Amino acid sequence: MKKCEAVIKGGKEQGKGSSSSSVSLKSVSYGQCQKNHAAKSGGYALDGCREFMAGGEEGTRDALKCAACGCHRNFHRREVDEADQSS
């Protein structure tokens, strides 16, 4: 699952007539599941889920649950790609 959000930062320099702004595009995806299924017994075992797939429509509770492994999205590794553009 990949999401994209834009962050616009703008400001006017004090004492000068010019203004500057920059746009930062962030692409967020969720990769491999990191949930330790053997934590109760003191071991370490992952389930092998390689990528988060939403189990439902955006805005529902099932959108935060992985359709492949059943874990919450927070157990999956978050990968953020940033692209800065200045003007």
PDB file of N, CA and C in Angstrom:
ATOM      1  N   MET A   1       0.850  -1.172   0.000  1.00  0.00           N
ATOM      2  CA  MET A   1       0.000   0.000   0.000  1.00  0.00           C
ATOM      3  C   MET A   1       0.889   1.226   0.000  1.00  0.00           C
ATOM      4  N   LYS A   2       0.616   2.141  -0.882  1.00  0.00           N
ATOM      5  CA  LYS A   2       1.419   3.338  -1.000  1.00  0.00           C
ATOM      6  C   LYS A   2       0.530   4.556  -0.875  1.00  0.00           C
ATOM      7  N   LYS A   3       0.935   5.507  -0.063  1.00  0.00           N
ATOM      8  CA  LYS A   3       0.215   6.758   0.101  1.00  0.00           C
ATOM      9  C   LYS A   3       1.160   7.890  -0.245  1.00  0.00           C
ATOM     10  N   CYS A   4       0.582   9.007  -0.654  1.00  0.00           N
ATOM     11  CA  CYS A   4       1.387  10.168  -1.001  1.00  0.00           C
ATOM     12  C   CYS A   4       0.778  11.395  -0.344  1.00  0.00           C
ATOM     13  N   GLU A   5       1.592  12.216   0.279  1.00  0.00           N
ATOM     14  CA  GLU A   5       1.109  13.448   0.882  1.00  0.00           C
ATOM     15  C   GLU A   5       2.069  14.567   0.528  1.00  0.00           C
ATOM     16  N   ALA A   6       1.541  15.760   0.405  1.00  0.00           N
ATOM     17  CA  ALA A   6       2.347  16.931   0.068  1.00  0.00           C
ATOM     18  C   ALA A   6       2.406  17.854   1.277  1.00  0.00           C
ATOM     19  N   VAL A   7       3.599  18.329   1.585  1.00  0.00           N
ATOM     20  CA  VAL A   7       3.807  19.282   2.671  1.00  0.00           C
ATOM     21  C   VAL A   7       4.366  20.550   2.047  1.00  0.00           C
ATOM     22  N   ILE A   8       3.658  21.665   2.210  1.00  0.00           N
ATOM     23  CA  ILE A   8       4.078  22.935   1.623  1.00  0.00           C
ATOM     24  C   ILE A   8       4.577  23.838   2.737  1.00  0.00           C
ATOM     25  N   LYS A   9       5.807  24.253   2.607  1.00  0.00           N
ATOM     26  CA  LYS A   9       6.409  25.151   3.582  1.00  0.00           C
ATOM     27  C   LYS A   9       6.699  26.465   2.882  1.00  0.00           C
ATOM     28  N   GLY A  10       6.210  27.531   3.434  1.00  0.00           N
ATOM     29  CA  GLY A  10       6.446  28.840   2.820  1.00  0.00           C
ATOM     30  C   GLY A  10       6.764  29.866   3.867  1.00  0.00           C
ATOM     31  N   GLY A  11       7.471  30.853   3.468  1.00  0.00           N
ATOM     32  CA  GLY A  11       7.804  31.902   4.413  1.00  0.00           C
ATOM     33  C   GLY A  11       8.299  33.125   3.692  1.00  0.00           C
ATOM     34  N   LYS A  12       8.215  34.239   4.343  1.00  0.00           N
ATOM     35  CA  LYS A  12       8.707  35.488   3.787  1.00  0.00           C
ATOM     36  C   LYS A  12       9.863  35.953   4.655  1.00  0.00           C
ATOM     37  N   GLU A  13      10.970  36.192   4.013  1.00  0.00           N
ATOM     38  CA  GLU A  13      12.137  36.656   4.748  1.00  0.00           C
ATOM     39  C   GLU A  13      11.890  38.071   5.254  1.00  0.00           C
ATOM     40  N   GLN A  14      12.239  38.311   6.495  1.00  0.00           N
ATOM     41  CA  GLN A  14      12.001  39.623   7.075  1.00  0.00           C
ATOM     42  C   GLN A  14      13.008  40.622   6.524  1.00  0.00           C
ATOM     43  N   GLY A  15      12.504  41.803   6.197  1.00  0.00           N
ATOM     44  CA  GLY A  15      13.376  42.864   5.724  1.00  0.00           C
ATOM     45  C   GLY A  15      13.631  42.821   4.233  1.00  0.00           C
ATOM     46  N   LYS A  16      13.184  41.812   3.552  1.00  0.00           N
ATOM     47  CA  LYS A  16      13.397  41.695   2.115  1.00  0.00           C
ATOM     48  C   LYS A  16      12.051  41.476   1.451  1.00  0.00           C
ATOM     49  N   GLY A  17      11.948  41.826   0.210  1.00  0.00           N
ATOM     50  CA  GLY A  17      10.687  41.732  -0.517  1.00  0.00           C
ATOM     51  C   GLY A  17      10.468  40.389  -1.184  1.00  0.00           C
ATOM     52  N   SER A  18      11.353  39.447  -1.025  1.00  0.00           N
ATOM     53  CA  SER A  18      11.189  38.161  -1.704  1.00  0.00           C
ATOM     54  C   SER A  18      10.605  37.128  -0.752  1.00  0.00           C
ATOM     55  N   SER A  19       9.920  36.189  -1.341  1.00  0.00           N
ATOM     56  CA  SER A  19       9.386  35.097  -0.541  1.00  0.00           C
ATOM     57  C   SER A  19       9.860  33.780  -1.136  1.00  0.00           C
ATOM     58  N   SER A  20       9.986  32.795  -0.320  1.00  0.00           N
ATOM     59  CA  SER A  20      10.424  31.486  -0.794  1.00  0.00           C
ATOM     60  C   SER A  20       9.473  30.425  -0.278  1.00  0.00           C
ATOM     61  N   SER A  21       9.308  29.391  -1.065  1.00  0.00           N
ATOM     62  CA  SER A  21       8.469  28.281  -0.637  1.00  0.00           C
ATOM     63  C   SER A  21       9.068  26.989  -1.159  1.00  0.00           C
ATOM     64  N   SER A  22       8.799  25.940  -0.479  1.00  0.00           N
ATOM     65  CA  SER A  22       9.275  24.634  -0.924  1.00  0.00           C
ATOM     66  C   SER A  22       8.161  23.612  -0.735  1.00  0.00           C
ATOM     67  N   VAL A  23       8.140  22.638  -1.610  1.00  0.00           N
ATOM     68  CA  VAL A  23       7.150  21.576  -1.555  1.00  0.00           C
ATOM     69  C   VAL A  23       7.880  20.275  -1.308  1.00  0.00           C
ATOM     70  N   SER A  24       7.423  19.549  -0.323  1.00  0.00           N
ATOM     71  CA  SER A  24       8.016  18.264   0.010  1.00  0.00           C
ATOM     72  C   SER A  24       6.972  17.180  -0.221  1.00  0.00           C
ATOM     73  N   LEU A  25       7.241  16.289  -1.153  1.00  0.00           N
ATOM     74  CA  LEU A  25       6.324  15.185  -1.436  1.00  0.00           C
ATOM     75  C   LEU A  25       6.827  13.946  -0.712  1.00  0.00           C
ATOM     76  N   LYS A  26       5.942  13.360   0.072  1.00  0.00           N
ATOM     77  CA  LYS A  26       6.304  12.162   0.808  1.00  0.00           C
ATOM     78  C   LYS A  26       5.479  10.991   0.304  1.00  0.00           C
ATOM     79  N   SER A  27       6.151   9.940  -0.059  1.00  0.00           N
ATOM     80  CA  SER A  27       5.484   8.721  -0.480  1.00  0.00           C
ATOM     81  C   SER A  27       5.728   7.689   0.624  1.00  0.00           C
ATOM     82  N   VAL A  28       4.651   7.205   1.244  1.00  0.00           N
ATOM     83  CA  VAL A  28       4.763   6.268   2.360  1.00  0.00           C
ATOM     84  C   VAL A  28       4.253   4.908   1.928  1.00  0.00           C
ATOM     85  N   SER A  29       5.049   3.884   2.167  1.00  0.00           N
ATOM     86  CA  SER A  29       4.613   2.519   1.908  1.00  0.00           C
ATOM     87  C   SER A  29       4.966   1.664   3.126  1.00  0.00           C
ATOM     88  N   TYR A  30       4.306   0.549   3.261  1.00  0.00           N
ATOM     89  CA  TYR A  30       4.529  -0.344   4.397  1.00  0.00           C
ATOM     90  C   TYR A  30       5.016  -1.683   3.879  1.00  0.00           C
ATOM     91  N   GLY A  31       6.184  -2.081   4.321  1.00  0.00           N
ATOM     92  CA  GLY A  31       6.839  -3.277   3.807  1.00  0.00           C
ATOM     93  C   GLY A  31       6.668  -4.490   4.699  1.00  0.00           C
ATOM     94  N   GLN A  32       7.762  -5.157   4.959  1.00  0.00           N
ATOM     95  CA  GLN A  32       7.793  -6.442   5.657  1.00  0.00           C
ATOM     96  C   GLN A  32       7.212  -6.356   7.062  1.00  0.00           C
ATOM     97  N   CYS A  33       6.452  -7.385   7.450  1.00  0.00           N
ATOM     98  CA  CYS A  33       5.863  -7.465   8.785  1.00  0.00           C
ATOM     99  C   CYS A  33       6.952  -7.785   9.808  1.00  0.00           C
ATOM    100  N   GLN A  34       6.977  -7.036  10.910  1.00  0.00           N
ATOM    101  CA  GLN A  34       7.994  -7.199  11.942  1.00  0.00           C
ATOM    102  C   GLN A  34       7.440  -7.799  13.234  1.00  0.00           C
ATOM    103  N   LYS A  35       6.193  -8.295  13.215  1.00  0.00           N
ATOM    104  CA  LYS A  35       5.584  -8.821  14.434  1.00  0.00           C
ATOM    105  C   LYS A  35       6.277 -10.128  14.842  1.00  0.00           C
ATOM    106  N   ASN A  36       6.693 -10.195  16.096  1.00  0.00           N
ATOM    107  CA  ASN A  36       7.330 -11.382  16.646  1.00  0.00           C
ATOM    108  C   ASN A  36       6.234 -12.294  17.203  1.00  0.00           C
ATOM    109  N   HIS A  37       5.958 -13.382  16.506  1.00  0.00           N
ATOM    110  CA  HIS A  37       4.885 -14.278  16.904  1.00  0.00           C
ATOM    111  C   HIS A  37       5.291 -15.239  18.033  1.00  0.00           C
ATOM    112  N   ALA A  38       6.574 -15.301  18.350  1.00  0.00           N
ATOM    113  CA  ALA A  38       7.049 -16.190  19.400  1.00  0.00           C
ATOM    114  C   ALA A  38       7.513 -15.425  20.634  1.00  0.00           C
ATOM    115  N   ALA A  39       7.039 -14.209  20.823  1.00  0.00           N
ATOM    116  CA  ALA A  39       7.492 -13.382  21.940  1.00  0.00           C
ATOM    117  C   ALA A  39       7.073 -13.957  23.291  1.00  0.00           C
ATOM    118  N   LYS A  40       5.904 -14.570  23.364  1.00  0.00           N
ATOM    119  CA  LYS A  40       5.442 -15.139  24.643  1.00  0.00           C
ATOM    120  C   LYS A  40       6.355 -16.240  25.149  1.00  0.00           C
ATOM    121  N   SER A  41       6.901 -17.025  24.227  1.00  0.00           N
ATOM    122  CA  SER A  41       7.753 -18.152  24.643  1.00  0.00           C
ATOM    123  C   SER A  41       9.229 -17.768  24.700  1.00  0.00           C
ATOM    124  N   GLY A  42       9.546 -16.500  24.443  1.00  0.00           N
ATOM    125  CA  GLY A  42      10.925 -16.038  24.533  1.00  0.00           C
ATOM    126  C   GLY A  42      11.714 -16.233  23.252  1.00  0.00           C
ATOM    127  N   GLY A  43      11.067 -16.627  22.186  1.00  0.00           N
ATOM    128  CA  GLY A  43      11.747 -16.841  20.913  1.00  0.00           C
ATOM    129  C   GLY A  43      11.567 -15.679  19.961  1.00  0.00           C
ATOM    130  N   TYR A  44      11.951 -15.915  18.710  1.00  0.00           N
ATOM    131  CA  TYR A  44      11.824 -14.896  17.681  1.00  0.00           C
ATOM    132  C   TYR A  44      11.400 -15.576  16.389  1.00  0.00           C
ATOM    133  N   ALA A  45      10.198 -15.260  15.914  1.00  0.00           N
ATOM    134  CA  ALA A  45       9.694 -15.854  14.675  1.00  0.00           C
ATOM    135  C   ALA A  45       8.803 -14.852  13.953  1.00  0.00           C
ATOM    136  N   LEU A  46       9.121 -14.614  12.689  1.00  0.00           N
ATOM    137  CA  LEU A  46       8.315 -13.740  11.852  1.00  0.00           C
ATOM    138  C   LEU A  46       7.417 -14.597  10.967  1.00  0.00           C
ATOM    139  N   ASP A  47       6.312 -14.018  10.477  1.00  0.00           N
ATOM    140  CA  ASP A  47       5.367 -14.804   9.683  1.00  0.00           C
ATOM    141  C   ASP A  47       5.690 -14.830   8.193  1.00  0.00           C
ATOM    142  N   GLY A  48       6.590 -13.981   7.727  1.00  0.00           N
ATOM    143  CA  GLY A  48       6.999 -14.004   6.325  1.00  0.00           C
ATOM    144  C   GLY A  48       6.208 -13.084   5.420  1.00  0.00           C
ATOM    145  N   CYS A  49       5.311 -12.283   5.966  1.00  0.00           N
ATOM    146  CA  CYS A  49       4.539 -11.346   5.158  1.00  0.00           C
ATOM    147  C   CYS A  49       5.491 -10.273   4.630  1.00  0.00           C
ATOM    148  N   ARG A  50       5.529 -10.071   3.331  1.00  0.00           N
ATOM    149  CA  ARG A  50       6.505  -9.175   2.707  1.00  0.00           C
ATOM    150  C   ARG A  50       6.009  -7.751   2.486  1.00  0.00           C
ATOM    151  N   GLU A  51       4.676  -7.538   2.400  1.00  0.00           N
ATOM    152  CA  GLU A  51       4.154  -6.203   2.138  1.00  0.00           C
ATOM    153  C   GLU A  51       2.747  -6.083   2.700  1.00  0.00           C
ATOM    154  N   PHE A  52       2.437  -4.897   3.243  1.00  0.00           N
ATOM    155  CA  PHE A  52       1.115  -4.630   3.792  1.00  0.00           C
ATOM    156  C   PHE A  52       0.101  -4.468   2.667  1.00  0.00           C
ATOM    157  N   MET A  53      -1.005  -5.177   2.782  1.00  0.00           N
ATOM    158  CA  MET A  53      -2.132  -5.027   1.863  1.00  0.00           C
ATOM    159  C   MET A  53      -3.359  -4.747   2.712  1.00  0.00           C
ATOM    160  N   ALA A  54      -3.996  -3.614   2.482  1.00  0.00           N
ATOM    161  CA  ALA A  54      -5.165  -3.226   3.273  1.00  0.00           C
ATOM    162  C   ALA A  54      -6.282  -4.248   3.104  1.00  0.00           C
ATOM    163  N   GLY A  55      -6.935  -4.573   4.211  1.00  0.00           N
ATOM    164  CA  GLY A  55      -7.997  -5.560   4.191  1.00  0.00           C
ATOM    165  C   GLY A  55      -9.364  -4.983   3.886  1.00  0.00           C
ATOM    166  N   GLY A  56      -9.469  -3.652   3.752  1.00  0.00           N
ATOM    167  CA  GLY A  56     -10.759  -3.017   3.489  1.00  0.00           C
ATOM    168  C   GLY A  56     -10.598  -1.671   2.824  1.00  0.00           C
ATOM    169  N   GLU A  57     -11.713  -0.980   2.681  1.00  0.00           N
ATOM    170  CA  GLU A  57     -11.739   0.336   2.059  1.00  0.00           C
ATOM    171  C   GLU A  57     -11.101   1.381   2.969  1.00  0.00           C
ATOM    172  N   GLU A  58     -10.551   2.423   2.367  1.00  0.00           N
ATOM    173  CA  GLU A  58      -9.949   3.535   3.097  1.00  0.00           C
ATOM    174  C   GLU A  58     -10.985   4.182   4.014  1.00  0.00           C
ATOM    175  N   GLY A  59     -10.621   4.411   5.266  1.00  0.00           N
ATOM    176  CA  GLY A  59     -11.525   5.031   6.228  1.00  0.00           C
ATOM    177  C   GLY A  59     -12.244   4.031   7.125  1.00  0.00           C
ATOM    178  N   THR A  60     -12.072   2.737   6.889  1.00  0.00           N
ATOM    179  CA  THR A  60     -12.692   1.725   7.737  1.00  0.00           C
ATOM    180  C   THR A  60     -11.629   1.095   8.632  1.00  0.00           C
ATOM    181  N   ARG A  61     -12.062   0.353   9.628  1.00  0.00           N
ATOM    182  CA  ARG A  61     -11.111  -0.318  10.522  1.00  0.00           C
ATOM    183  C   ARG A  61     -10.303  -1.386   9.789  1.00  0.00           C
ATOM    184  N   ASP A  62     -10.919  -2.022   8.824  1.00  0.00           N
ATOM    185  CA  ASP A  62     -10.228  -3.073   8.082  1.00  0.00           C
ATOM    186  C   ASP A  62      -9.099  -2.536   7.204  1.00  0.00           C
ATOM    187  N   ALA A  63      -9.087  -1.231   6.936  1.00  0.00           N
ATOM    188  CA  ALA A  63      -8.018  -0.631   6.140  1.00  0.00           C
ATOM    189  C   ALA A  63      -6.689  -0.660   6.890  1.00  0.00           C
ATOM    190  N   LEU A  64      -6.715  -0.776   8.215  1.00  0.00           N
ATOM    191  CA  LEU A  64      -5.493  -0.825   9.025  1.00  0.00           C
ATOM    192  C   LEU A  64      -5.040  -2.244   9.320  1.00  0.00           C
ATOM    193  N   LYS A  65      -5.793  -3.242   8.856  1.00  0.00           N
ATOM    194  CA  LYS A  65      -5.475  -4.643   9.085  1.00  0.00           C
ATOM    195  C   LYS A  65      -4.963  -5.260   7.784  1.00  0.00           C
ATOM    196  N   CYS A  66      -3.849  -5.966   7.847  1.00  0.00           N
ATOM    197  CA  CYS A  66      -3.251  -6.575   6.662  1.00  0.00           C
ATOM    198  C   CYS A  66      -4.076  -7.778   6.215  1.00  0.00           C
ATOM    199  N   ALA A  67      -4.408  -7.808   4.933  1.00  0.00           N
ATOM    200  CA  ALA A  67      -5.191  -8.913   4.386  1.00  0.00           C
ATOM    201  C   ALA A  67      -4.363 -10.198   4.303  1.00  0.00           C
ATOM    202  N   ALA A  68      -3.042 -10.072   4.206  1.00  0.00           N
ATOM    203  CA  ALA A  68      -2.178 -11.243   4.058  1.00  0.00           C
ATOM    204  C   ALA A  68      -1.902 -11.945   5.390  1.00  0.00           C
ATOM    205  N   CYS A  69      -1.541 -11.179   6.429  1.00  0.00           N
ATOM    206  CA  CYS A  69      -1.138 -11.811   7.690  1.00  0.00           C
ATOM    207  C   CYS A  69      -2.083 -11.523   8.858  1.00  0.00           C
ATOM    208  N   GLY A  70      -2.975 -10.542   8.720  1.00  0.00           N
ATOM    209  CA  GLY A  70      -3.927 -10.226   9.783  1.00  0.00           C
ATOM    210  C   GLY A  70      -3.405  -9.292  10.848  1.00  0.00           C
ATOM    211  N   CYS A  71      -2.172  -8.805  10.711  1.00  0.00           N
ATOM    212  CA  CYS A  71      -1.574  -7.899  11.689  1.00  0.00           C
ATOM    213  C   CYS A  71      -1.990  -6.470  11.413  1.00  0.00           C
ATOM    214  N   HIS A  72      -1.876  -5.606  12.448  1.00  0.00           N
ATOM    215  CA  HIS A  72      -2.131  -4.174  12.289  1.00  0.00           C
ATOM    216  C   HIS A  72      -1.011  -3.563  11.451  1.00  0.00           C
ATOM    217  N   ARG A  73      -1.324  -2.468  10.769  1.00  0.00           N
ATOM    218  CA  ARG A  73      -0.361  -1.789   9.896  1.00  0.00           C
ATOM    219  C   ARG A  73       0.889  -1.351  10.644  1.00  0.00           C
ATOM    220  N   ASN A  74       0.800  -1.048  11.935  1.00  0.00           N
ATOM    221  CA  ASN A  74       1.958  -0.593  12.704  1.00  0.00           C
ATOM    222  C   ASN A  74       3.048  -1.656  12.831  1.00  0.00           C
ATOM    223  N   PHE A  75       2.719  -2.928  12.648  1.00  0.00           N
ATOM    224  CA  PHE A  75       3.734  -3.977  12.715  1.00  0.00           C
ATOM    225  C   PHE A  75       4.572  -4.045  11.447  1.00  0.00           C
ATOM    226  N   HIS A  76       4.137  -3.399  10.388  1.00  0.00           N
ATOM    227  CA  HIS A  76       4.866  -3.419   9.126  1.00  0.00           C
ATOM    228  C   HIS A  76       5.854  -2.269   9.069  1.00  0.00           C
ATOM    229  N   ARG A  77       6.998  -2.529   8.447  1.00  0.00           N
ATOM    230  CA  ARG A  77       8.063  -1.533   8.346  1.00  0.00           C
ATOM    231  C   ARG A  77       7.603  -0.361   7.477  1.00  0.00           C
ATOM    232  N   ARG A  78       7.715   0.844   8.022  1.00  0.00           N
ATOM    233  CA  ARG A  78       7.305   2.045   7.293  1.00  0.00           C
ATOM    234  C   ARG A  78       8.477   2.559   6.477  1.00  0.00           C
ATOM    235  N   GLU A  79       8.236   2.771   5.178  1.00  0.00           N
ATOM    236  CA  GLU A  79       9.265   3.252   4.271  1.00  0.00           C
ATOM    237  C   GLU A  79       8.798   4.581   3.684  1.00  0.00           C
ATOM    238  N   VAL A  80       9.573   5.652   3.945  1.00  0.00           N
ATOM    239  CA  VAL A  80       9.202   6.996   3.488  1.00  0.00           C
ATOM    240  C   VAL A  80      10.211   7.444   2.435  1.00  0.00           C
ATOM    241  N   ASP A  81       9.698   7.848   1.279  1.00  0.00           N
ATOM    242  CA  ASP A  81      10.522   8.421   0.212  1.00  0.00           C
ATOM    243  C   ASP A  81      10.169   9.895   0.107  1.00  0.00           C
ATOM    244  N   GLU A  82      11.165  10.767   0.277  1.00  0.00           N
ATOM    245  CA  GLU A  82      10.920  12.208   0.208  1.00  0.00           C
ATOM    246  C   GLU A  82      11.550  12.795  -1.048  1.00  0.00           C
ATOM    247  N   ALA A  83      10.833  13.725  -1.656  1.00  0.00           N
ATOM    248  CA  ALA A  83      11.343  14.468  -2.799  1.00  0.00           C
ATOM    249  C   ALA A  83      11.094  15.950  -2.524  1.00  0.00           C
ATOM    250  N   ASP A  84      12.153  16.731  -2.410  1.00  0.00           N
ATOM    251  CA  ASP A  84      12.033  18.168  -2.128  1.00  0.00           C
ATOM    252  C   ASP A  84      12.105  18.958  -3.417  1.00  0.00           C
ATOM    253  N   GLN A  85      11.232  19.959  -3.522  1.00  0.00           N
ATOM    254  CA  GLN A  85      11.245  20.879  -4.655  1.00  0.00           C
ATOM    255  C   GLN A  85      11.188  22.285  -4.092  1.00  0.00           C
ATOM    256  N   SER A  86      12.119  23.128  -4.481  1.00  0.00           N
ATOM    257  CA  SER A  86      12.153  24.507  -3.996  1.00  0.00           C
ATOM    258  C   SER A  86      11.888  25.464  -5.141  1.00  0.00           C
ATOM    259  N   SER A  87      11.248  26.562  -4.808  1.00  0.00           N
ATOM    260  CA  SER A  87      11.013  27.599  -5.821  1.00  0.00           C
ATOM    261  C   SER A  87      11.334  28.966  -5.277  1.00  0.00           C
TER     262      SER A  87
END
